[in-house]
Protein backbone atom coordinates (compact mmCIF):
# COMPACT_ATOMS: atom_id res chain seq x y z
CA MET A 1 0.00 0.00 0.00
CA ALA A 2 1.37 3.42 -0.96
CA PHE A 3 2.26 5.82 1.81
CA ASP A 4 -0.51 8.37 2.49
CA PRO A 5 0.44 10.95 5.14
CA GLU A 6 -3.22 11.80 5.70
CA THR A 7 -4.24 8.29 6.74
CA ASP A 8 -1.09 6.41 7.75
CA PRO A 9 -1.51 5.21 11.36
CA ARG A 10 2.17 5.88 12.07
CA LEU A 11 1.42 9.60 11.83
CA ASN A 12 -2.26 10.10 12.55
CA VAL A 13 -4.20 10.44 15.79
CA ASP A 14 -7.85 11.21 16.54
CA THR A 15 -7.20 14.54 18.27
CA ASP A 16 -10.85 14.82 19.34
CA LYS A 17 -10.46 11.62 21.34
CA PHE A 18 -6.83 12.23 22.34
CA PRO A 19 -6.17 16.01 22.56
CA GLY A 20 -2.94 15.40 24.46
CA GLU A 21 -0.55 17.59 26.40
CA THR A 22 2.70 19.14 25.19
CA GLY A 23 5.83 17.66 26.71
CA ARG A 24 9.50 16.92 26.12
CA VAL A 25 11.83 13.94 26.05
CA VAL A 26 13.73 13.89 29.37
CA LYS A 27 15.99 10.86 28.82
CA SER A 28 18.94 10.58 26.46
CA VAL A 29 16.86 8.44 24.09
CA ILE A 30 13.35 7.03 24.23
CA ASP A 31 12.12 4.08 22.19
CA LEU A 32 8.72 4.32 20.49
CA ARG A 33 6.89 1.02 20.09
CA ARG A 34 3.61 -0.02 18.51
CA MET A 35 2.37 -1.52 21.75
CA PRO A 36 2.90 -0.63 25.45
CA ASP A 37 5.09 -3.68 25.89
CA ALA A 38 8.88 -3.90 26.23
CA THR A 39 8.89 -6.97 23.96
CA SER A 40 7.32 -4.99 21.12
CA GLY A 41 9.83 -3.90 18.48
CA ILE A 42 11.18 -0.35 18.21
CA ASP A 43 9.67 1.74 15.41
CA THR A 44 11.60 4.95 16.05
CA GLN A 45 13.18 7.02 18.81
CA GLY A 46 12.98 10.45 20.39
CA ILE A 47 16.06 12.19 21.75
CA TYR A 48 16.67 14.46 24.70
CA GLY A 49 14.82 17.77 24.69
CA GLN A 50 12.60 17.07 21.69
CA LEU A 51 9.02 18.28 21.86
CA LEU A 52 6.15 15.82 21.69
CA VAL A 53 2.49 15.47 22.54
CA ILE A 54 1.59 13.05 25.34
CA LEU A 55 -1.70 11.50 24.20
CA GLU A 56 -2.36 8.93 26.88
CA ARG A 57 -0.71 7.41 29.93
CA LYS A 58 -1.39 4.01 31.44
CA ASN A 59 0.45 1.33 33.40
CA GLY A 60 3.83 3.02 33.22
CA TRP A 61 3.60 3.78 29.49
CA ALA A 62 2.92 6.93 27.51
CA TRP A 63 1.42 7.12 24.04
CA VAL A 64 3.13 10.04 22.33
CA GLN A 65 3.44 11.85 19.02
CA LEU A 66 6.81 13.39 18.16
CA ALA A 67 6.52 17.04 17.14
CA HIS A 68 9.23 17.11 14.49
CA ASP A 69 7.89 14.30 12.29
CA GLY A 70 4.48 13.35 13.69
CA TYR A 71 5.45 9.76 14.48
CA VAL A 72 3.23 8.01 17.05
CA GLY A 73 4.17 5.28 19.49
CA TRP A 74 4.29 3.98 23.04
CA THR A 75 7.27 4.71 25.27
CA GLU A 76 8.10 4.15 28.91
CA ASP A 77 6.45 6.91 30.93
CA GLU A 78 9.61 7.97 32.78
CA GLY A 79 11.19 9.19 29.55
CA VAL A 80 8.75 12.05 28.97
CA ALA A 81 7.47 14.98 31.01
CA VAL A 82 4.50 17.30 30.56
CA GLY A 83 5.28 20.96 29.86
CA MET A 84 7.45 22.98 27.53
CA GLY A 85 10.16 23.44 30.16
CA GLU A 86 12.88 25.94 29.43
CA VAL A 87 13.13 27.29 25.92
CA THR A 88 15.87 25.36 24.17
CA THR A 89 18.65 27.43 22.61
CA HIS A 90 21.16 24.92 21.23
CA LEU A 91 21.42 21.56 19.49
CA VAL A 92 24.09 18.91 19.93
CA SER A 93 26.05 18.89 16.66
CA ALA A 94 28.51 16.08 17.41
CA PRO A 95 27.32 12.51 16.79
CA ARG A 96 27.65 11.88 20.54
CA THR A 97 28.70 13.87 23.57
CA TYR A 98 28.19 14.09 27.34
CA LEU A 99 26.38 16.40 29.68
CA TYR A 100 28.63 16.80 32.72
CA SER A 101 27.59 17.70 36.27
CA GLN A 102 29.76 20.82 36.01
CA ALA A 103 32.05 22.55 33.55
CA ASP A 104 34.85 20.01 33.87
CA LEU A 105 35.40 16.90 31.78
CA GLN A 106 36.63 15.13 34.93
CA SER A 107 33.29 15.69 36.70
CA PRO A 108 30.62 12.95 36.81
CA ARG A 109 28.55 12.53 33.69
CA VAL A 110 24.86 13.39 33.93
CA ARG A 111 23.89 11.69 30.67
CA PRO A 112 25.12 10.96 27.15
CA LEU A 113 23.58 13.06 24.38
CA SER A 114 23.04 12.37 20.70
CA MET A 115 23.29 14.75 17.80
CA GLY A 116 20.03 16.69 17.61
CA SER A 117 19.44 16.77 21.37
CA GLU A 118 18.07 20.13 22.51
CA LEU A 119 19.39 22.08 25.50
CA ALA A 120 18.61 25.39 27.19
CA ILE A 121 21.99 27.12 27.59
CA VAL A 122 22.24 29.96 30.13
CA GLY A 123 25.97 30.69 30.32
CA GLU A 124 29.56 29.78 29.51
CA ALA A 125 32.61 28.61 31.45
CA GLU A 126 36.15 27.55 30.74
CA THR A 127 38.18 24.92 32.57
CA ARG A 128 41.80 24.13 31.71
CA GLY A 129 41.32 25.69 28.28
CA THR A 130 38.14 23.82 27.36
CA ARG A 131 35.07 25.97 26.80
CA TYR A 132 31.70 24.77 28.05
CA PHE A 133 28.09 25.87 27.78
CA THR A 134 26.25 25.72 31.10
CA LEU A 135 22.65 24.94 31.98
CA ALA A 136 20.54 26.43 34.76
CA ASP A 137 21.32 23.55 37.14
CA GLY A 138 25.09 23.99 36.70
CA SER A 139 25.56 21.04 34.38
CA ALA A 140 27.66 21.65 31.29
CA VAL A 141 28.42 20.43 27.78
CA VAL A 142 31.50 21.00 25.63
CA ALA A 143 30.77 24.15 23.63
CA ASN A 144 32.23 22.99 20.33
CA HIS A 145 29.78 20.06 20.35
CA MET A 146 26.86 22.49 20.13
CA VAL A 147 25.26 24.89 17.64
CA ASP A 148 22.49 27.46 17.98
CA THR A 149 19.03 26.03 17.26
CA GLY A 150 18.83 28.22 14.17
CA TYR A 151 22.11 26.96 12.70
CA VAL A 152 21.89 24.69 9.66
CA PHE A 153 24.67 22.63 8.10
CA ASP A 154 25.02 22.97 4.35
CA ASP A 155 25.83 19.36 3.37
CA TYR A 156 23.71 16.56 4.76
CA VAL A 157 26.02 13.91 3.29
CA SER A 158 28.89 15.19 5.42
CA VAL A 159 26.62 15.09 8.47
CA ALA A 160 25.61 11.52 7.65
CA ALA A 161 29.27 10.54 7.16
CA SER A 162 30.06 11.78 10.68
CA PHE A 163 28.08 8.75 11.91
CA MET A 164 30.51 6.34 10.24
CA HIS A 165 30.82 3.11 12.29
CA THR A 166 27.81 3.99 14.48
CA PRO A 167 26.04 0.68 15.24
CA TYR A 168 23.03 -0.28 13.16
CA LEU A 169 19.84 -0.37 15.24
CA TRP A 170 16.43 -1.17 13.82
CA GLY A 171 14.27 1.87 14.61
CA GLY A 172 17.32 3.77 15.84
CA ASN A 173 17.44 7.50 15.28
CA SER A 174 20.40 8.67 17.38
CA GLY A 175 24.16 8.67 17.61
CA PHE A 176 24.01 5.58 19.83
CA GLY A 177 22.38 3.42 17.17
CA ILE A 178 20.70 4.30 13.89
CA ASP A 179 18.94 2.65 10.99
CA CYS A 180 18.99 3.47 7.29
CA SER A 181 16.12 5.96 7.20
CA GLY A 182 17.04 7.41 10.59
CA LEU A 183 20.44 8.32 9.15
CA VAL A 184 18.75 10.18 6.30
CA GLN A 185 16.25 11.93 8.57
CA LEU A 186 18.65 13.06 11.29
CA SER A 187 21.33 14.30 8.90
CA GLN A 188 18.74 16.20 6.88
CA ARG A 189 17.24 17.66 10.03
CA MET A 190 20.63 19.13 10.96
CA CYS A 191 20.55 20.88 7.57
CA GLY A 192 17.14 22.39 8.28
CA THR A 193 15.21 20.03 6.00
CA PRO A 194 12.25 18.10 7.46
CA VAL A 195 12.18 14.54 6.13
CA ASP A 196 9.72 11.77 6.95
CA ARG A 197 10.89 8.95 9.19
CA ASP A 198 10.63 5.61 7.38
CA SER A 199 12.15 4.60 4.05
CA ASP A 200 8.75 4.07 2.37
CA MET A 201 7.74 7.57 3.47
CA GLN A 202 10.98 9.02 2.14
CA GLU A 203 10.61 7.14 -1.14
CA ALA A 204 7.17 8.71 -1.61
CA THR A 205 8.01 12.28 -0.57
CA PHE A 206 11.72 13.13 -0.81
CA GLY A 207 12.76 15.39 -3.68
CA ASP A 208 12.19 14.27 -7.26
CA PRO A 209 12.38 10.78 -8.79
CA ILE A 210 15.38 9.84 -10.93
CA ALA A 211 16.56 6.61 -12.52
CA TRP A 212 18.52 4.56 -9.99
CA ASP A 213 20.68 3.09 -12.76
CA GLY A 214 21.23 6.42 -14.50
CA GLU A 215 23.63 9.22 -13.71
CA ARG A 216 23.97 9.55 -9.96
CA LYS A 217 25.43 12.35 -7.87
CA ARG A 218 26.30 13.14 -4.26
CA GLY A 219 23.21 13.30 -2.06
CA ASP A 220 20.92 11.12 -4.17
CA LEU A 221 18.88 8.54 -2.27
CA ILE A 222 18.66 4.95 -3.54
CA PHE A 223 15.75 2.83 -2.33
CA TRP A 224 15.23 -0.89 -2.01
CA LYS A 225 12.24 -2.61 -0.48
CA GLY A 226 12.61 -1.57 3.18
CA HIS A 227 16.00 0.11 2.76
CA VAL A 228 17.56 3.43 1.73
CA GLY A 229 21.12 4.58 1.16
CA ILE A 230 22.83 7.88 0.38
CA MET A 231 25.17 8.38 -2.55
CA SER A 232 28.30 10.04 -1.15
CA ASP A 233 29.65 10.22 -4.69
CA PRO A 234 28.45 8.71 -8.00
CA ASP A 235 29.96 5.32 -7.19
CA THR A 236 29.81 5.09 -3.38
CA LEU A 237 26.82 4.24 -1.18
CA LEU A 238 26.70 5.46 2.43
CA HIS A 239 24.15 3.66 4.58
CA SER A 240 23.38 2.13 7.93
CA ASN A 241 22.92 -1.51 7.09
CA GLY A 242 22.41 -4.97 8.47
CA ASN A 243 25.35 -6.44 6.57
CA THR A 244 28.16 -4.58 8.33
CA MET A 245 25.77 -3.76 11.23
CA ASN A 246 26.94 -0.14 11.25
CA VAL A 247 27.08 3.00 9.14
CA ALA A 248 29.45 2.20 6.30
CA GLU A 249 30.38 3.04 2.74
CA GLU A 250 30.62 0.51 -0.08
CA ASN A 251 30.87 0.50 -3.84
CA PHE A 252 27.39 1.06 -5.27
CA GLY A 253 27.61 -1.66 -7.90
CA ALA A 254 28.83 -4.17 -5.35
CA ALA A 255 26.02 -3.20 -2.99
CA VAL A 256 23.39 -3.69 -5.70
CA LYS A 257 24.73 -7.18 -6.41
CA ARG A 258 25.04 -8.08 -2.72
CA ILE A 259 21.51 -6.96 -1.85
CA ALA A 260 19.83 -8.41 -4.97
CA TRP A 261 19.69 -12.04 -3.85
CA LEU A 262 17.55 -11.13 -0.84
CA TYR A 263 15.68 -7.92 -1.71
CA GLY A 264 16.01 -7.56 -5.46
CA GLU A 265 17.24 -4.52 -7.36
CA PRO A 266 16.65 -0.96 -6.14
CA THR A 267 13.03 0.12 -6.46
CA SER A 268 13.72 3.82 -7.12
CA ALA A 269 16.00 6.77 -6.55
CA ARG A 270 15.27 10.37 -5.61
CA ARG A 271 17.21 13.62 -5.76
CA PHE A 272 16.86 16.51 -3.34
CA ARG A 273 14.86 19.36 -4.79
CA ASP A 274 17.00 22.54 -4.63
């Protein structure tokens, strides 16, 4: 069935029945599942500081809808909190970093943070030559791992390549583990471009269609059934994949041959619309 953003249950909620309350992610990463059950598979993730709508709470679980892409799922209740909280001012720009208890890399860690995590910075400090941004509670993050919320990178392929060797995780959407479409979405988000979450959504909505076996260029997306990769140059595919179980590059022709026995040839390709 073709992706329809108006009816797809991954994105749509009866707001009359579930008006919800605005909240934020308050753990490093939260897993969104189809059912309120820890044995249910992960569909996607939210990361620290992201806005969401809390639709329902029951038995230690929260049914939520992520603000940035509309994705709906169940997550453990402790990972979300009602309220806007402090206005966030900065995004984590490194694939991974730490929030420290104070402006000192030798101080205890408060939590790890993924690229795209949102923080409310109130000040600056320097310790032994390292510059930090500080939060209202005194915790701190290395300043050169952050950018203003309004900052956008100009090359999403370079952002995606910064995740090289990050473990593959089905449903993953963070620097701690990421899947093929999560890599596309998060790297595009850091460039100011909203992109749908799953590969079938991206195949239906991203840019303009091109021939997958025609002339390719940097930034093109190549789709298979249930998979997507990024062309880092005309002959090299960058993707988070279940073969190497991490973010890796490989020769495009070799990848097509390797994948064909299980999933067939690519189904389409799309190019970002300038």
